[in-house]
Amino acid sequence: MYTKEFEIRWSDIDANRHLANSAYINFMSHTRMAFLMENGFGQREMAKHNIGPVVFYEHMYYFKEVFAGNPVKVTLQLKGLSEDGMYFEFIHNFYDHKGRNFASCEMMGAWIDLKERKLIGLPEALFVNLSSLSKTENFKVLTKEDTRKFGKKPKDLA
C-alpha cells in the first residue's frame, strides 16, 4: 500500500484547532501525485501524451479529530479502474501517530486529453503502472455508469 507521512503545519489547522478540511484535500492530492510521479506519470510523460487527471468527486468521512503536534499518514489504494484506464477510483485512509484511522475518502476521476478536452484512456505503459497500485478488497472494473452513480448532470448543462 502506498503511504505518505505529513507533519501538520500551523496553516493546516482551522479555527477549532484541529486539522482543516482543506488540509485533508491537500494531503490526499500530494499523496496521489507522489505515487503517480514515482510511477511514470511525471510532467514529461504527461506532456508527451498530452493528458492530465480530472477529479469527479471526493467524499470525505471523518471519524475523529486530529491535532497538530504529531505526524499523520495518508494511504492510497486503487478501488476501481476501467479496462482502458480512463476512469479510476482511489481510497485514502488517514492514520494518526498511534496508527488509528481517523478519516477516509473515496475519490473518482478520469484522464483528459488536454488538446481535445475529452476523456481518454491511458497509454498501455501508464495503465500498467497505475494498475500496479495496491487494490482494495472490493476493487472493481469501472464503467461509465459508475461515474454517474451519484446523479446525472442537469439537462440545462448538457
N, C-alpha and C. Protein backbone atom coordinates (compact mmCIF):
# COMPACT_ATOMS: atom_id res chain seq x y z
N MET A 1 0.84 -1.18 0.00
CA MET A 1 0.00 0.00 0.00
C MET A 1 0.89 1.24 0.00
N TYR A 2 0.54 2.21 -0.83
CA TYR A 2 1.32 3.44 -0.91
C TYR A 2 0.96 4.34 0.26
N THR A 3 1.99 4.89 0.93
CA THR A 3 1.78 5.72 2.13
C THR A 3 2.70 6.93 2.10
N LYS A 4 2.17 8.08 2.53
CA LYS A 4 2.96 9.30 2.73
C LYS A 4 2.73 9.78 4.15
N GLU A 5 3.78 10.35 4.73
CA GLU A 5 3.66 10.91 6.08
C GLU A 5 3.73 12.43 5.99
N PHE A 6 2.92 13.11 6.81
CA PHE A 6 2.86 14.56 6.80
C PHE A 6 2.96 15.11 8.22
N GLU A 7 3.67 16.21 8.36
CA GLU A 7 3.69 16.98 9.59
C GLU A 7 2.55 17.99 9.48
N ILE A 8 1.76 18.12 10.51
CA ILE A 8 0.67 19.09 10.49
C ILE A 8 1.26 20.47 10.80
N ARG A 9 1.11 21.37 9.84
CA ARG A 9 1.64 22.73 9.97
C ARG A 9 0.57 23.65 10.56
N TRP A 10 1.01 24.80 11.02
CA TRP A 10 0.08 25.80 11.55
C TRP A 10 -1.00 26.12 10.52
N SER A 11 -0.63 26.22 9.27
CA SER A 11 -1.59 26.56 8.20
C SER A 11 -2.57 25.43 7.91
N ASP A 12 -2.34 24.24 8.46
CA ASP A 12 -3.25 23.10 8.27
C ASP A 12 -4.36 23.04 9.32
N ILE A 13 -4.32 23.96 10.29
CA ILE A 13 -5.26 23.96 11.41
C ILE A 13 -6.37 24.98 11.14
N ASP A 14 -7.61 24.64 11.54
CA ASP A 14 -8.72 25.57 11.36
C ASP A 14 -9.04 26.31 12.67
N ALA A 15 -10.12 27.06 12.68
CA ALA A 15 -10.50 27.86 13.86
C ALA A 15 -10.80 27.00 15.08
N ASN A 16 -11.12 25.73 14.89
CA ASN A 16 -11.38 24.82 16.01
C ASN A 16 -10.12 24.12 16.50
N ARG A 17 -8.99 24.50 15.94
CA ARG A 17 -7.66 24.00 16.30
C ARG A 17 -7.44 22.53 15.95
N HIS A 18 -8.24 22.01 15.02
CA HIS A 18 -7.97 20.66 14.51
C HIS A 18 -7.70 20.75 13.01
N LEU A 19 -7.33 19.61 12.42
CA LEU A 19 -6.95 19.58 11.02
C LEU A 19 -8.10 20.08 10.14
N ALA A 20 -7.82 21.08 9.32
CA ALA A 20 -8.82 21.71 8.46
C ALA A 20 -9.16 20.82 7.27
N ASN A 21 -10.39 20.95 6.78
CA ASN A 21 -10.83 20.19 5.62
C ASN A 21 -9.87 20.38 4.45
N SER A 22 -9.43 21.60 4.22
CA SER A 22 -8.52 21.86 3.09
C SER A 22 -7.21 21.09 3.23
N ALA A 23 -6.76 20.86 4.46
CA ALA A 23 -5.53 20.09 4.66
C ALA A 23 -5.73 18.63 4.26
N TYR A 24 -6.90 18.06 4.55
CA TYR A 24 -7.18 16.69 4.12
C TYR A 24 -7.07 16.60 2.59
N ILE A 25 -7.69 17.53 1.90
CA ILE A 25 -7.68 17.55 0.43
C ILE A 25 -6.24 17.69 -0.08
N ASN A 26 -5.48 18.60 0.52
CA ASN A 26 -4.09 18.80 0.10
C ASN A 26 -3.22 17.57 0.37
N PHE A 27 -3.39 16.93 1.51
CA PHE A 27 -2.61 15.73 1.83
C PHE A 27 -2.94 14.60 0.85
N MET A 28 -4.22 14.45 0.51
CA MET A 28 -4.61 13.40 -0.45
C MET A 28 -4.03 13.68 -1.83
N SER A 29 -4.14 14.91 -2.27
CA SER A 29 -3.62 15.29 -3.59
C SER A 29 -2.12 15.06 -3.66
N HIS A 30 -1.42 15.46 -2.62
CA HIS A 30 0.04 15.25 -2.57
C HIS A 30 0.38 13.76 -2.62
N THR A 31 -0.38 12.95 -1.89
CA THR A 31 -0.14 11.50 -1.87
C THR A 31 -0.36 10.90 -3.26
N ARG A 32 -1.48 11.26 -3.89
CA ARG A 32 -1.77 10.74 -5.24
C ARG A 32 -0.69 11.15 -6.24
N MET A 33 -0.35 12.43 -6.23
CA MET A 33 0.64 12.91 -7.20
C MET A 33 2.02 12.31 -6.95
N ALA A 34 2.37 12.09 -5.70
CA ALA A 34 3.66 11.45 -5.40
C ALA A 34 3.68 10.04 -5.98
N PHE A 35 2.60 9.27 -5.77
CA PHE A 35 2.54 7.93 -6.34
C PHE A 35 2.65 8.00 -7.86
N LEU A 36 1.86 8.86 -8.47
CA LEU A 36 1.86 8.96 -9.94
C LEU A 36 3.24 9.34 -10.47
N MET A 37 3.86 10.34 -9.87
CA MET A 37 5.18 10.78 -10.35
C MET A 37 6.23 9.69 -10.17
N GLU A 38 6.12 8.91 -9.12
CA GLU A 38 7.07 7.81 -8.89
C GLU A 38 6.80 6.62 -9.80
N ASN A 39 5.69 6.66 -10.52
CA ASN A 39 5.30 5.53 -11.36
C ASN A 39 5.04 5.92 -12.81
N GLY A 40 5.87 6.83 -13.33
CA GLY A 40 5.85 7.14 -14.75
C GLY A 40 4.92 8.24 -15.20
N PHE A 41 4.25 8.92 -14.26
CA PHE A 41 3.32 9.99 -14.62
C PHE A 41 3.93 11.36 -14.37
N GLY A 42 5.22 11.51 -14.63
CA GLY A 42 5.87 12.81 -14.44
C GLY A 42 5.43 13.80 -15.50
N GLN A 43 5.86 15.04 -15.35
CA GLN A 43 5.45 16.11 -16.27
C GLN A 43 5.81 15.80 -17.72
N ARG A 44 6.99 15.28 -17.94
CA ARG A 44 7.39 14.99 -19.33
C ARG A 44 6.51 13.91 -19.97
N GLU A 45 6.26 12.85 -19.19
CA GLU A 45 5.44 11.75 -19.71
C GLU A 45 4.01 12.21 -19.96
N MET A 46 3.47 12.99 -19.05
CA MET A 46 2.11 13.50 -19.21
C MET A 46 2.04 14.45 -20.42
N ALA A 47 3.06 15.29 -20.59
CA ALA A 47 3.09 16.21 -21.73
C ALA A 47 3.24 15.43 -23.04
N LYS A 48 4.05 14.37 -23.00
CA LYS A 48 4.23 13.54 -24.20
C LYS A 48 2.90 12.99 -24.70
N HIS A 49 2.04 12.58 -23.77
CA HIS A 49 0.74 12.01 -24.13
C HIS A 49 -0.39 13.05 -24.10
N ASN A 50 -0.02 14.29 -23.69
CA ASN A 50 -0.97 15.40 -23.65
C ASN A 50 -2.19 15.09 -22.79
N ILE A 51 -1.95 14.48 -21.63
CA ILE A 51 -3.06 14.11 -20.74
C ILE A 51 -2.89 14.73 -19.36
N GLY A 52 -4.00 14.81 -18.65
CA GLY A 52 -4.00 15.28 -17.27
C GLY A 52 -5.15 14.64 -16.52
N PRO A 53 -5.05 14.57 -15.19
CA PRO A 53 -6.13 13.97 -14.39
C PRO A 53 -7.22 14.99 -14.07
N VAL A 54 -8.46 14.52 -13.99
CA VAL A 54 -9.58 15.35 -13.55
C VAL A 54 -10.28 14.62 -12.41
N VAL A 55 -10.76 15.37 -11.44
CA VAL A 55 -11.47 14.81 -10.29
C VAL A 55 -12.97 14.95 -10.52
N PHE A 56 -13.71 13.85 -10.36
CA PHE A 56 -15.17 13.88 -10.43
C PHE A 56 -15.76 14.18 -9.05
N TYR A 57 -15.23 13.52 -8.02
CA TYR A 57 -15.70 13.78 -6.66
C TYR A 57 -14.68 13.27 -5.65
N GLU A 58 -14.78 13.82 -4.45
CA GLU A 58 -14.05 13.35 -3.28
C GLU A 58 -15.05 13.33 -2.13
N HIS A 59 -15.33 12.15 -1.61
CA HIS A 59 -16.26 12.01 -0.50
C HIS A 59 -15.47 11.70 0.77
N MET A 60 -15.49 12.66 1.69
CA MET A 60 -14.74 12.51 2.94
C MET A 60 -15.63 11.94 4.04
N TYR A 61 -15.00 11.12 4.87
CA TYR A 61 -15.65 10.55 6.05
C TYR A 61 -14.71 10.80 7.23
N TYR A 62 -15.18 11.58 8.20
CA TYR A 62 -14.37 11.93 9.36
C TYR A 62 -14.81 11.09 10.55
N PHE A 63 -13.84 10.47 11.24
CA PHE A 63 -14.15 9.61 12.37
C PHE A 63 -13.73 10.23 13.71
N LYS A 64 -12.66 11.00 13.69
CA LYS A 64 -12.09 11.51 14.93
C LYS A 64 -11.28 12.76 14.61
N GLU A 65 -11.24 13.70 15.55
CA GLU A 65 -10.43 14.90 15.36
C GLU A 65 -8.94 14.53 15.43
N VAL A 66 -8.14 15.34 14.75
CA VAL A 66 -6.69 15.19 14.85
C VAL A 66 -6.10 16.59 14.99
N PHE A 67 -5.05 16.69 15.81
CA PHE A 67 -4.49 17.99 16.15
C PHE A 67 -3.02 18.06 15.77
N ALA A 68 -2.48 19.26 15.77
CA ALA A 68 -1.06 19.46 15.48
C ALA A 68 -0.21 18.83 16.58
N GLY A 69 1.02 18.55 16.24
CA GLY A 69 1.96 18.03 17.23
C GLY A 69 2.52 16.66 16.91
N ASN A 70 1.80 15.90 16.09
CA ASN A 70 2.28 14.58 15.70
C ASN A 70 2.02 14.38 14.21
N PRO A 71 2.86 13.60 13.56
CA PRO A 71 2.66 13.36 12.11
C PRO A 71 1.43 12.49 11.85
N VAL A 72 0.94 12.59 10.63
CA VAL A 72 -0.17 11.73 10.17
C VAL A 72 0.29 11.00 8.92
N LYS A 73 -0.32 9.85 8.67
CA LYS A 73 -0.03 9.07 7.47
C LYS A 73 -1.28 9.01 6.61
N VAL A 74 -1.07 9.10 5.30
CA VAL A 74 -2.15 9.02 4.33
C VAL A 74 -1.82 7.88 3.38
N THR A 75 -2.76 6.95 3.23
CA THR A 75 -2.55 5.81 2.33
C THR A 75 -3.32 6.03 1.03
N LEU A 76 -2.93 5.28 0.03
CA LEU A 76 -3.58 5.33 -1.28
C LEU A 76 -3.74 3.91 -1.79
N GLN A 77 -4.98 3.57 -2.16
CA GLN A 77 -5.27 2.28 -2.77
C GLN A 77 -6.19 2.49 -3.96
N LEU A 78 -6.13 1.55 -4.88
CA LEU A 78 -6.98 1.58 -6.07
C LEU A 78 -8.26 0.81 -5.77
N LYS A 79 -9.41 1.51 -5.83
CA LYS A 79 -10.70 0.87 -5.59
C LYS A 79 -11.34 0.43 -6.89
N GLY A 80 -10.97 1.10 -7.99
CA GLY A 80 -11.55 0.75 -9.29
C GLY A 80 -10.73 1.34 -10.42
N LEU A 81 -10.82 0.68 -11.58
CA LEU A 81 -10.12 1.13 -12.78
C LEU A 81 -10.87 0.56 -13.98
N SER A 82 -11.12 1.41 -14.97
CA SER A 82 -11.79 0.92 -16.18
C SER A 82 -10.81 0.11 -17.01
N GLU A 83 -11.33 -0.67 -17.92
CA GLU A 83 -10.49 -1.56 -18.74
C GLU A 83 -9.46 -0.80 -19.56
N ASP A 84 -9.76 0.43 -19.94
CA ASP A 84 -8.82 1.23 -20.72
C ASP A 84 -8.06 2.24 -19.86
N GLY A 85 -8.34 2.26 -18.55
CA GLY A 85 -7.67 3.17 -17.64
C GLY A 85 -8.25 4.57 -17.63
N MET A 86 -9.30 4.83 -18.41
CA MET A 86 -9.88 6.17 -18.47
C MET A 86 -10.38 6.61 -17.09
N TYR A 87 -11.13 5.74 -16.42
CA TYR A 87 -11.71 6.05 -15.12
C TYR A 87 -10.92 5.36 -14.02
N PHE A 88 -10.78 6.04 -12.89
CA PHE A 88 -10.11 5.44 -11.74
C PHE A 88 -10.81 5.89 -10.46
N GLU A 89 -10.74 5.04 -9.45
CA GLU A 89 -11.28 5.38 -8.14
C GLU A 89 -10.24 5.00 -7.10
N PHE A 90 -9.94 5.95 -6.22
CA PHE A 90 -8.96 5.76 -5.16
C PHE A 90 -9.64 5.80 -3.80
N ILE A 91 -9.02 5.12 -2.84
CA ILE A 91 -9.39 5.23 -1.43
C ILE A 91 -8.16 5.75 -0.69
N HIS A 92 -8.39 6.78 0.11
CA HIS A 92 -7.37 7.31 1.02
C HIS A 92 -7.82 7.03 2.44
N ASN A 93 -6.90 6.58 3.27
CA ASN A 93 -7.16 6.46 4.70
C ASN A 93 -6.13 7.30 5.44
N PHE A 94 -6.57 7.92 6.53
CA PHE A 94 -5.72 8.79 7.34
C PHE A 94 -5.51 8.12 8.69
N TYR A 95 -4.24 8.10 9.13
CA TYR A 95 -3.88 7.46 10.39
C TYR A 95 -3.08 8.42 11.26
N ASP A 96 -3.37 8.43 12.55
CA ASP A 96 -2.61 9.26 13.47
C ASP A 96 -1.30 8.57 13.85
N HIS A 97 -0.53 9.20 14.71
CA HIS A 97 0.79 8.67 15.08
C HIS A 97 0.72 7.35 15.85
N LYS A 98 -0.48 6.98 16.34
CA LYS A 98 -0.65 5.71 17.03
C LYS A 98 -1.27 4.65 16.12
N GLY A 99 -1.44 4.99 14.83
CA GLY A 99 -1.98 4.03 13.87
C GLY A 99 -3.49 3.96 13.84
N ARG A 100 -4.17 4.92 14.49
CA ARG A 100 -5.63 4.94 14.50
C ARG A 100 -6.17 5.62 13.24
N ASN A 101 -7.13 4.99 12.60
CA ASN A 101 -7.76 5.52 11.38
C ASN A 101 -8.74 6.62 11.78
N PHE A 102 -8.43 7.88 11.41
CA PHE A 102 -9.30 8.98 11.82
C PHE A 102 -10.12 9.59 10.69
N ALA A 103 -9.88 9.17 9.45
CA ALA A 103 -10.67 9.67 8.32
C ALA A 103 -10.43 8.78 7.11
N SER A 104 -11.36 8.86 6.16
CA SER A 104 -11.25 8.10 4.91
C SER A 104 -11.88 8.93 3.80
N CYS A 105 -11.46 8.66 2.57
CA CYS A 105 -12.01 9.39 1.44
C CYS A 105 -12.07 8.48 0.21
N GLU A 106 -13.20 8.54 -0.49
CA GLU A 106 -13.34 7.90 -1.80
C GLU A 106 -13.20 8.99 -2.84
N MET A 107 -12.39 8.76 -3.82
CA MET A 107 -12.13 9.77 -4.85
C MET A 107 -12.25 9.11 -6.22
N MET A 108 -13.01 9.71 -7.14
CA MET A 108 -13.10 9.19 -8.51
C MET A 108 -12.66 10.27 -9.49
N GLY A 109 -11.98 9.82 -10.53
CA GLY A 109 -11.53 10.75 -11.56
C GLY A 109 -11.34 10.04 -12.89
N ALA A 110 -10.78 10.78 -13.82
CA ALA A 110 -10.54 10.27 -15.17
C ALA A 110 -9.35 11.02 -15.76
N TRP A 111 -8.97 10.61 -16.95
CA TRP A 111 -7.89 11.26 -17.69
C TRP A 111 -8.49 12.03 -18.86
N ILE A 112 -7.96 13.22 -19.09
CA ILE A 112 -8.47 14.07 -20.16
C ILE A 112 -7.35 14.40 -21.15
N ASP A 113 -7.70 14.39 -22.43
CA ASP A 113 -6.79 14.86 -23.47
C ASP A 113 -6.81 16.38 -23.39
N LEU A 114 -5.68 16.99 -23.09
CA LEU A 114 -5.64 18.43 -22.84
C LEU A 114 -5.84 19.28 -24.09
N LYS A 115 -5.66 18.71 -25.26
CA LYS A 115 -5.92 19.46 -26.50
C LYS A 115 -7.38 19.31 -26.92
N GLU A 116 -7.85 18.08 -26.97
CA GLU A 116 -9.23 17.81 -27.43
C GLU A 116 -10.27 18.11 -26.34
N ARG A 117 -9.82 18.17 -25.06
CA ARG A 117 -10.71 18.41 -23.92
C ARG A 117 -11.78 17.33 -23.82
N LYS A 118 -11.36 16.08 -24.07
CA LYS A 118 -12.24 14.92 -23.97
C LYS A 118 -11.55 13.87 -23.13
N LEU A 119 -12.37 13.05 -22.47
CA LEU A 119 -11.80 11.96 -21.67
C LEU A 119 -11.13 10.96 -22.59
N ILE A 120 -10.05 10.35 -22.06
CA ILE A 120 -9.22 9.46 -22.87
C ILE A 120 -8.70 8.31 -22.00
N GLY A 121 -8.53 7.14 -22.61
CA GLY A 121 -7.90 6.01 -21.93
C GLY A 121 -6.41 6.24 -21.80
N LEU A 122 -5.79 5.49 -20.92
CA LEU A 122 -4.35 5.61 -20.69
C LEU A 122 -3.54 4.84 -21.73
N PRO A 123 -2.38 5.35 -22.12
CA PRO A 123 -1.44 4.53 -22.91
C PRO A 123 -1.09 3.28 -22.10
N GLU A 124 -0.78 2.19 -22.78
CA GLU A 124 -0.56 0.89 -22.15
C GLU A 124 0.44 0.94 -21.00
N ALA A 125 1.59 1.58 -21.19
CA ALA A 125 2.61 1.61 -20.14
C ALA A 125 2.10 2.31 -18.88
N LEU A 126 1.38 3.41 -19.05
CA LEU A 126 0.83 4.12 -17.90
C LEU A 126 -0.28 3.32 -17.23
N PHE A 127 -1.08 2.62 -18.04
CA PHE A 127 -2.13 1.76 -17.48
C PHE A 127 -1.50 0.69 -16.59
N VAL A 128 -0.45 0.06 -17.06
CA VAL A 128 0.24 -0.98 -16.28
C VAL A 128 0.77 -0.39 -14.97
N ASN A 129 1.36 0.82 -15.05
CA ASN A 129 1.90 1.45 -13.85
C ASN A 129 0.80 1.78 -12.84
N LEU A 130 -0.32 2.33 -13.31
CA LEU A 130 -1.41 2.66 -12.41
C LEU A 130 -2.03 1.41 -11.80
N SER A 131 -2.20 0.39 -12.62
CA SER A 131 -2.84 -0.84 -12.12
C SER A 131 -1.94 -1.61 -11.16
N SER A 132 -0.68 -1.20 -11.03
CA SER A 132 0.22 -1.86 -10.07
C SER A 132 -0.03 -1.40 -8.63
N LEU A 133 -0.80 -0.33 -8.46
CA LEU A 133 -1.12 0.18 -7.13
C LEU A 133 -1.90 -0.88 -6.34
N SER A 134 -1.63 -0.97 -5.06
CA SER A 134 -2.36 -1.88 -4.18
C SER A 134 -3.86 -1.66 -4.33
N LYS A 135 -4.61 -2.76 -4.43
CA LYS A 135 -6.06 -2.69 -4.65
C LYS A 135 -6.82 -2.98 -3.35
N THR A 136 -7.99 -2.37 -3.24
CA THR A 136 -8.87 -2.64 -2.10
C THR A 136 -9.49 -4.02 -2.27
N GLU A 137 -10.03 -4.56 -1.18
CA GLU A 137 -10.70 -5.87 -1.24
C GLU A 137 -11.91 -5.85 -2.17
N ASN A 138 -12.55 -4.70 -2.29
CA ASN A 138 -13.74 -4.59 -3.13
C ASN A 138 -13.44 -3.91 -4.48
N PHE A 139 -12.21 -4.05 -4.95
CA PHE A 139 -11.81 -3.48 -6.25
C PHE A 139 -12.76 -3.96 -7.34
N LYS A 140 -13.06 -3.05 -8.28
CA LYS A 140 -13.92 -3.44 -9.41
C LYS A 140 -13.46 -2.77 -10.68
N VAL A 141 -13.83 -3.36 -11.80
CA VAL A 141 -13.58 -2.76 -13.11
C VAL A 141 -14.68 -1.73 -13.33
N LEU A 142 -14.28 -0.49 -13.55
CA LEU A 142 -15.23 0.61 -13.68
C LEU A 142 -15.76 0.74 -15.10
N THR A 143 -16.99 1.24 -15.19
CA THR A 143 -17.61 1.59 -16.47
C THR A 143 -18.10 3.03 -16.37
N LYS A 144 -18.53 3.58 -17.48
CA LYS A 144 -19.06 4.95 -17.48
C LYS A 144 -20.22 5.08 -16.50
N GLU A 145 -21.03 4.04 -16.36
CA GLU A 145 -22.17 4.07 -15.45
C GLU A 145 -21.73 4.31 -14.00
N ASP A 146 -20.56 3.81 -13.63
CA ASP A 146 -20.05 4.02 -12.27
C ASP A 146 -19.79 5.50 -11.99
N THR A 147 -19.49 6.26 -13.02
CA THR A 147 -19.22 7.69 -12.83
C THR A 147 -20.51 8.47 -12.60
N ARG A 148 -21.65 7.86 -12.84
CA ARG A 148 -22.95 8.53 -12.71
C ARG A 148 -23.75 8.05 -11.49
N LYS A 149 -23.12 7.27 -10.61
CA LYS A 149 -23.87 6.67 -9.50
C LYS A 149 -24.41 7.68 -8.50
N PHE A 150 -23.92 8.91 -8.52
CA PHE A 150 -24.41 9.93 -7.60
C PHE A 150 -25.28 10.96 -8.30
N GLY A 151 -25.79 10.61 -9.47
CA GLY A 151 -26.70 11.52 -10.17
C GLY A 151 -26.19 11.87 -11.55
N LYS A 152 -27.10 12.42 -12.33
CA LYS A 152 -26.77 12.84 -13.68
C LYS A 152 -26.72 14.35 -13.73
N LYS A 153 -26.03 14.85 -14.71
CA LYS A 153 -25.94 16.31 -14.83
C LYS A 153 -27.30 16.87 -15.24
N PRO A 154 -27.63 18.06 -14.76
CA PRO A 154 -28.90 18.68 -15.12
C PRO A 154 -28.99 18.90 -16.64
N LYS A 155 -30.20 18.81 -17.17
CA LYS A 155 -30.39 18.95 -18.61
C LYS A 155 -29.94 20.31 -19.11
N ASP A 156 -30.08 21.34 -18.30
CA ASP A 156 -29.69 22.67 -18.76
C ASP A 156 -28.16 22.83 -18.87
N LEU A 157 -27.40 21.88 -18.36
CA LEU A 157 -25.94 21.90 -18.51
C LEU A 157 -25.46 20.97 -19.61
N ALA A 158 -26.36 20.24 -20.21
CA ALA A 158 -25.99 19.25 -21.24
C ALA A 158 -25.45 19.92 -22.49
